Amino acid sequence: MHYLVADIARTITLVPGDILFSGTPATSRTVYPGDIVEVEVEGLGTLSNHIVQGPTPIRSDVGAQPTESEEVISTAKGGDWEFRGIRTPSKDLYPSTIEEK
């Protein structure tokens, strides 16, 4: 974990109290109604989330890996946020002007 912190600290100034979330653990699984997801921070407390069945089914593309579209690349590189929230960042739905490699 300390390698992750060192890598992040090369580009971002970290100060005491900063919290870094590194993503989904490799051993994770899909959550289902009735599951409880807990996140604990030593000395701070535990956050518990009870998973319930929602009124609307989740789309099949939720949780999918991002596509290499102009919108995604612009946002990932800290662009001017021109595309954020305007349209779905999917190269299948919207052609990109980025040259194919």
N, C-alpha and C. Protein backbone atom coordinates (compact mmCIF):
# COMPACT_ATOMS: atom_id res chain seq x y z
N MET A 1 0.82 -1.20 0.00
CA MET A 1 0.00 0.00 0.00
C MET A 1 0.86 1.26 0.00
N HIS A 2 2.03 1.21 0.66
CA HIS A 2 2.86 2.41 0.72
C HIS A 2 3.37 2.82 -0.66
N TYR A 3 3.48 1.87 -1.62
CA TYR A 3 3.88 2.22 -2.97
C TYR A 3 2.79 3.07 -3.64
N LEU A 4 1.54 2.74 -3.37
CA LEU A 4 0.43 3.50 -3.93
C LEU A 4 0.48 4.94 -3.42
N VAL A 5 0.71 5.10 -2.12
CA VAL A 5 0.77 6.43 -1.52
C VAL A 5 1.93 7.22 -2.11
N ALA A 6 3.09 6.59 -2.25
CA ALA A 6 4.26 7.27 -2.82
C ALA A 6 3.99 7.70 -4.26
N ASP A 7 3.34 6.85 -5.02
CA ASP A 7 3.04 7.18 -6.41
C ASP A 7 2.09 8.37 -6.50
N ILE A 8 1.06 8.37 -5.68
CA ILE A 8 0.10 9.47 -5.67
C ILE A 8 0.76 10.77 -5.22
N ALA A 9 1.65 10.66 -4.22
CA ALA A 9 2.30 11.85 -3.66
C ALA A 9 3.24 12.53 -4.65
N ARG A 10 3.58 11.86 -5.74
CA ARG A 10 4.43 12.50 -6.75
C ARG A 10 3.69 13.59 -7.51
N THR A 11 2.37 13.49 -7.58
CA THR A 11 1.60 14.47 -8.35
C THR A 11 0.60 15.27 -7.53
N ILE A 12 0.31 14.80 -6.32
CA ILE A 12 -0.66 15.48 -5.47
C ILE A 12 -0.04 15.70 -4.09
N THR A 13 -0.18 16.89 -3.54
CA THR A 13 0.31 17.15 -2.20
C THR A 13 -0.64 16.52 -1.19
N LEU A 14 -0.12 15.58 -0.41
CA LEU A 14 -0.92 14.92 0.62
C LEU A 14 -0.62 15.57 1.96
N VAL A 15 -1.66 15.75 2.75
CA VAL A 15 -1.50 16.33 4.09
C VAL A 15 -2.10 15.37 5.10
N PRO A 16 -1.65 15.46 6.37
CA PRO A 16 -2.22 14.58 7.39
C PRO A 16 -3.74 14.67 7.41
N GLY A 17 -4.37 13.51 7.44
CA GLY A 17 -5.83 13.46 7.44
C GLY A 17 -6.43 13.12 6.10
N ASP A 18 -5.64 13.22 5.02
CA ASP A 18 -6.13 12.84 3.70
C ASP A 18 -6.50 11.36 3.69
N ILE A 19 -7.55 11.03 2.99
CA ILE A 19 -8.00 9.64 2.86
C ILE A 19 -7.89 9.25 1.40
N LEU A 20 -7.26 8.11 1.14
CA LEU A 20 -7.10 7.61 -0.22
C LEU A 20 -7.93 6.35 -0.40
N PHE A 21 -8.78 6.34 -1.39
CA PHE A 21 -9.54 5.14 -1.73
C PHE A 21 -8.92 4.56 -2.98
N SER A 22 -8.58 3.28 -2.93
CA SER A 22 -7.85 2.68 -4.04
C SER A 22 -8.71 1.81 -4.94
N GLY A 23 -10.00 1.79 -4.74
CA GLY A 23 -10.85 1.01 -5.63
C GLY A 23 -11.37 -0.26 -4.99
N THR A 24 -11.89 -1.11 -5.83
CA THR A 24 -12.50 -2.36 -5.38
C THR A 24 -11.43 -3.41 -5.11
N PRO A 25 -11.45 -4.05 -3.93
CA PRO A 25 -10.48 -5.10 -3.64
C PRO A 25 -10.60 -6.27 -4.62
N ALA A 26 -9.50 -6.93 -4.88
CA ALA A 26 -9.47 -8.04 -5.84
C ALA A 26 -10.38 -9.19 -5.43
N THR A 27 -10.61 -9.36 -4.14
CA THR A 27 -11.43 -10.49 -3.68
C THR A 27 -12.90 -10.13 -3.51
N SER A 28 -13.31 -8.98 -4.03
CA SER A 28 -14.70 -8.56 -3.85
C SER A 28 -15.65 -9.36 -4.73
N ARG A 29 -16.92 -9.22 -4.46
CA ARG A 29 -17.95 -9.90 -5.25
C ARG A 29 -19.13 -8.95 -5.42
N THR A 30 -20.07 -9.32 -6.25
CA THR A 30 -21.28 -8.54 -6.45
C THR A 30 -22.09 -8.54 -5.15
N VAL A 31 -22.68 -7.40 -4.81
CA VAL A 31 -23.53 -7.33 -3.62
C VAL A 31 -24.97 -7.61 -4.02
N TYR A 32 -25.71 -8.14 -3.07
CA TYR A 32 -27.11 -8.51 -3.30
C TYR A 32 -27.98 -7.96 -2.18
N PRO A 33 -29.28 -7.78 -2.44
CA PRO A 33 -30.18 -7.32 -1.38
C PRO A 33 -30.02 -8.21 -0.15
N GLY A 34 -29.93 -7.55 1.00
CA GLY A 34 -29.73 -8.26 2.26
C GLY A 34 -28.28 -8.21 2.73
N ASP A 35 -27.35 -7.96 1.81
CA ASP A 35 -25.93 -7.85 2.20
C ASP A 35 -25.70 -6.57 2.99
N ILE A 36 -24.67 -6.58 3.80
CA ILE A 36 -24.24 -5.38 4.52
C ILE A 36 -22.78 -5.12 4.13
N VAL A 37 -22.51 -3.91 3.67
CA VAL A 37 -21.15 -3.51 3.31
C VAL A 37 -20.66 -2.55 4.38
N GLU A 38 -19.53 -2.87 5.00
CA GLU A 38 -18.99 -2.03 6.06
C GLU A 38 -17.59 -1.54 5.69
N VAL A 39 -17.35 -0.26 5.97
CA VAL A 39 -16.03 0.34 5.80
C VAL A 39 -15.64 0.90 7.15
N GLU A 40 -14.47 0.49 7.64
CA GLU A 40 -14.03 0.93 8.96
C GLU A 40 -12.73 1.72 8.85
N VAL A 41 -12.69 2.85 9.53
CA VAL A 41 -11.48 3.65 9.63
C VAL A 41 -11.09 3.66 11.10
N GLU A 42 -9.92 3.09 11.38
CA GLU A 42 -9.46 2.98 12.76
C GLU A 42 -9.42 4.36 13.42
N GLY A 43 -10.00 4.44 14.60
CA GLY A 43 -10.02 5.69 15.34
C GLY A 43 -11.13 6.64 14.92
N LEU A 44 -11.83 6.31 13.85
CA LEU A 44 -12.90 7.18 13.36
C LEU A 44 -14.26 6.52 13.48
N GLY A 45 -14.37 5.28 13.05
CA GLY A 45 -15.64 4.58 13.15
C GLY A 45 -15.91 3.69 11.96
N THR A 46 -17.13 3.15 11.92
CA THR A 46 -17.53 2.22 10.87
C THR A 46 -18.77 2.75 10.16
N LEU A 47 -18.74 2.67 8.84
CA LEU A 47 -19.89 3.05 8.02
C LEU A 47 -20.51 1.76 7.50
N SER A 48 -21.79 1.53 7.81
CA SER A 48 -22.49 0.32 7.36
C SER A 48 -23.56 0.69 6.35
N ASN A 49 -23.58 -0.03 5.25
CA ASN A 49 -24.60 0.17 4.22
C ASN A 49 -25.35 -1.14 4.01
N HIS A 50 -26.66 -1.10 4.20
CA HIS A 50 -27.51 -2.27 4.00
C HIS A 50 -28.01 -2.25 2.55
N ILE A 51 -27.70 -3.28 1.81
CA ILE A 51 -28.09 -3.35 0.40
C ILE A 51 -29.55 -3.78 0.31
N VAL A 52 -30.35 -2.98 -0.41
CA VAL A 52 -31.77 -3.27 -0.58
C VAL A 52 -32.11 -3.37 -2.06
N GLN A 53 -33.22 -3.99 -2.36
CA GLN A 53 -33.70 -4.06 -3.74
C GLN A 53 -34.29 -2.72 -4.12
N GLY A 54 -33.81 -2.12 -5.19
CA GLY A 54 -34.32 -0.84 -5.63
C GLY A 54 -35.55 -1.00 -6.51
N PRO A 55 -36.30 0.09 -6.70
CA PRO A 55 -37.50 0.02 -7.53
C PRO A 55 -37.18 -0.10 -9.02
N THR A 56 -35.97 0.29 -9.41
CA THR A 56 -35.58 0.26 -10.82
C THR A 56 -34.41 -0.68 -11.00
N PRO A 57 -34.50 -1.61 -11.94
CA PRO A 57 -33.36 -2.50 -12.16
C PRO A 57 -32.15 -1.73 -12.67
N ILE A 58 -30.98 -2.20 -12.32
CA ILE A 58 -29.74 -1.57 -12.76
C ILE A 58 -29.47 -1.96 -14.20
N ARG A 59 -29.07 -0.99 -15.02
CA ARG A 59 -28.73 -1.27 -16.41
C ARG A 59 -27.57 -2.25 -16.50
N SER A 60 -27.48 -2.97 -17.58
CA SER A 60 -26.43 -3.97 -17.74
C SER A 60 -25.05 -3.34 -17.92
N ASP A 61 -24.98 -2.06 -18.32
CA ASP A 61 -23.68 -1.44 -18.52
C ASP A 61 -23.13 -0.74 -17.29
N VAL A 62 -23.88 -0.75 -16.18
CA VAL A 62 -23.40 -0.13 -14.95
C VAL A 62 -22.26 -0.99 -14.40
N GLY A 63 -21.16 -0.35 -14.09
CA GLY A 63 -20.00 -1.06 -13.57
C GLY A 63 -19.06 -1.55 -14.65
N ALA A 64 -19.41 -1.31 -15.91
CA ALA A 64 -18.54 -1.74 -17.01
C ALA A 64 -17.30 -0.85 -17.07
N GLN A 65 -16.24 -1.39 -17.64
CA GLN A 65 -15.02 -0.62 -17.79
C GLN A 65 -15.27 0.55 -18.74
N PRO A 66 -14.61 1.70 -18.48
CA PRO A 66 -14.81 2.85 -19.36
C PRO A 66 -14.28 2.58 -20.76
N THR A 67 -14.88 3.24 -21.71
CA THR A 67 -14.45 3.08 -23.10
C THR A 67 -13.42 4.15 -23.44
N GLU A 68 -12.70 3.95 -24.51
CA GLU A 68 -11.69 4.92 -24.93
C GLU A 68 -12.33 5.93 -25.88
N SER A 69 -13.17 6.77 -25.30
CA SER A 69 -13.82 7.80 -26.11
C SER A 69 -13.17 9.15 -25.83
N GLU A 70 -13.45 10.10 -26.66
CA GLU A 70 -12.90 11.44 -26.48
C GLU A 70 -13.32 12.02 -25.13
N GLU A 71 -14.55 11.76 -24.73
CA GLU A 71 -15.06 12.28 -23.47
C GLU A 71 -14.31 11.70 -22.28
N VAL A 72 -14.12 10.38 -22.29
CA VAL A 72 -13.44 9.71 -21.18
C VAL A 72 -11.99 10.17 -21.09
N ILE A 73 -11.30 10.20 -22.21
CA ILE A 73 -9.90 10.61 -22.21
C ILE A 73 -9.75 12.06 -21.76
N SER A 74 -10.61 12.94 -22.21
CA SER A 74 -10.55 14.35 -21.81
C SER A 74 -10.72 14.49 -20.30
N THR A 75 -11.68 13.80 -19.73
CA THR A 75 -11.92 13.87 -18.29
C THR A 75 -10.77 13.25 -17.52
N ALA A 76 -10.28 12.07 -17.96
CA ALA A 76 -9.20 11.38 -17.26
C ALA A 76 -7.92 12.20 -17.24
N LYS A 77 -7.69 12.98 -18.27
CA LYS A 77 -6.48 13.80 -18.34
C LYS A 77 -6.69 15.18 -17.72
N GLY A 78 -7.78 15.36 -17.00
CA GLY A 78 -8.03 16.63 -16.34
C GLY A 78 -8.40 17.73 -17.30
N GLY A 79 -9.08 17.36 -18.37
CA GLY A 79 -9.47 18.32 -19.40
C GLY A 79 -10.39 19.41 -18.88
N ASP A 80 -10.92 20.17 -19.78
CA ASP A 80 -11.75 21.31 -19.41
C ASP A 80 -13.18 20.91 -19.05
N TRP A 81 -13.43 19.62 -18.91
CA TRP A 81 -14.74 19.09 -18.49
C TRP A 81 -15.82 19.42 -19.50
N GLU A 82 -15.44 19.70 -20.72
CA GLU A 82 -16.39 20.08 -21.77
C GLU A 82 -17.50 19.05 -21.93
N PHE A 83 -17.15 17.78 -21.81
CA PHE A 83 -18.11 16.73 -22.10
C PHE A 83 -18.85 16.22 -20.87
N ARG A 84 -18.44 16.61 -19.68
CA ARG A 84 -19.00 16.03 -18.46
C ARG A 84 -20.50 16.27 -18.36
N GLY A 85 -21.26 15.20 -18.26
CA GLY A 85 -22.69 15.27 -18.06
C GLY A 85 -23.50 15.61 -19.30
N ILE A 86 -22.84 15.85 -20.42
CA ILE A 86 -23.56 16.22 -21.63
C ILE A 86 -24.08 14.98 -22.35
N ARG A 87 -23.25 13.96 -22.44
CA ARG A 87 -23.66 12.74 -23.11
C ARG A 87 -22.89 11.55 -22.56
N THR A 88 -23.41 10.38 -22.78
CA THR A 88 -22.78 9.16 -22.29
C THR A 88 -21.44 8.95 -22.98
N PRO A 89 -20.35 8.72 -22.20
CA PRO A 89 -19.05 8.53 -22.81
C PRO A 89 -18.88 7.13 -23.37
N SER A 90 -19.48 6.85 -24.49
CA SER A 90 -19.41 5.53 -25.10
C SER A 90 -19.07 5.65 -26.57
N LYS A 91 -17.95 5.03 -26.97
CA LYS A 91 -17.56 5.13 -28.38
C LYS A 91 -18.51 4.38 -29.29
N ASP A 92 -19.31 3.46 -28.72
CA ASP A 92 -20.29 2.74 -29.52
C ASP A 92 -21.48 3.63 -29.89
N LEU A 93 -21.80 4.58 -29.01
CA LEU A 93 -22.95 5.45 -29.25
C LEU A 93 -22.56 6.76 -29.93
N TYR A 94 -21.35 7.23 -29.65
CA TYR A 94 -20.90 8.51 -30.19
C TYR A 94 -19.50 8.34 -30.77
N PRO A 95 -19.33 8.54 -32.06
CA PRO A 95 -18.01 8.39 -32.66
C PRO A 95 -17.03 9.39 -32.08
N SER A 96 -15.79 8.97 -31.91
CA SER A 96 -14.75 9.83 -31.37
C SER A 96 -13.91 10.42 -32.49
N THR A 97 -13.34 11.58 -32.23
CA THR A 97 -12.44 12.19 -33.21
C THR A 97 -10.99 11.81 -32.95
N ILE A 98 -10.75 11.00 -31.93
CA ILE A 98 -9.40 10.55 -31.61
C ILE A 98 -9.00 9.48 -32.63
N GLU A 99 -7.79 9.60 -33.15
CA GLU A 99 -7.32 8.65 -34.15
C GLU A 99 -7.12 7.27 -33.52
N GLU A 100 -7.51 6.24 -34.25
CA GLU A 100 -7.29 4.87 -33.79
C GLU A 100 -5.81 4.56 -33.81
N LYS A 101 -5.34 3.80 -32.83
CA LYS A 101 -3.91 3.44 -32.77
C LYS A 101 -3.68 2.12 -33.47
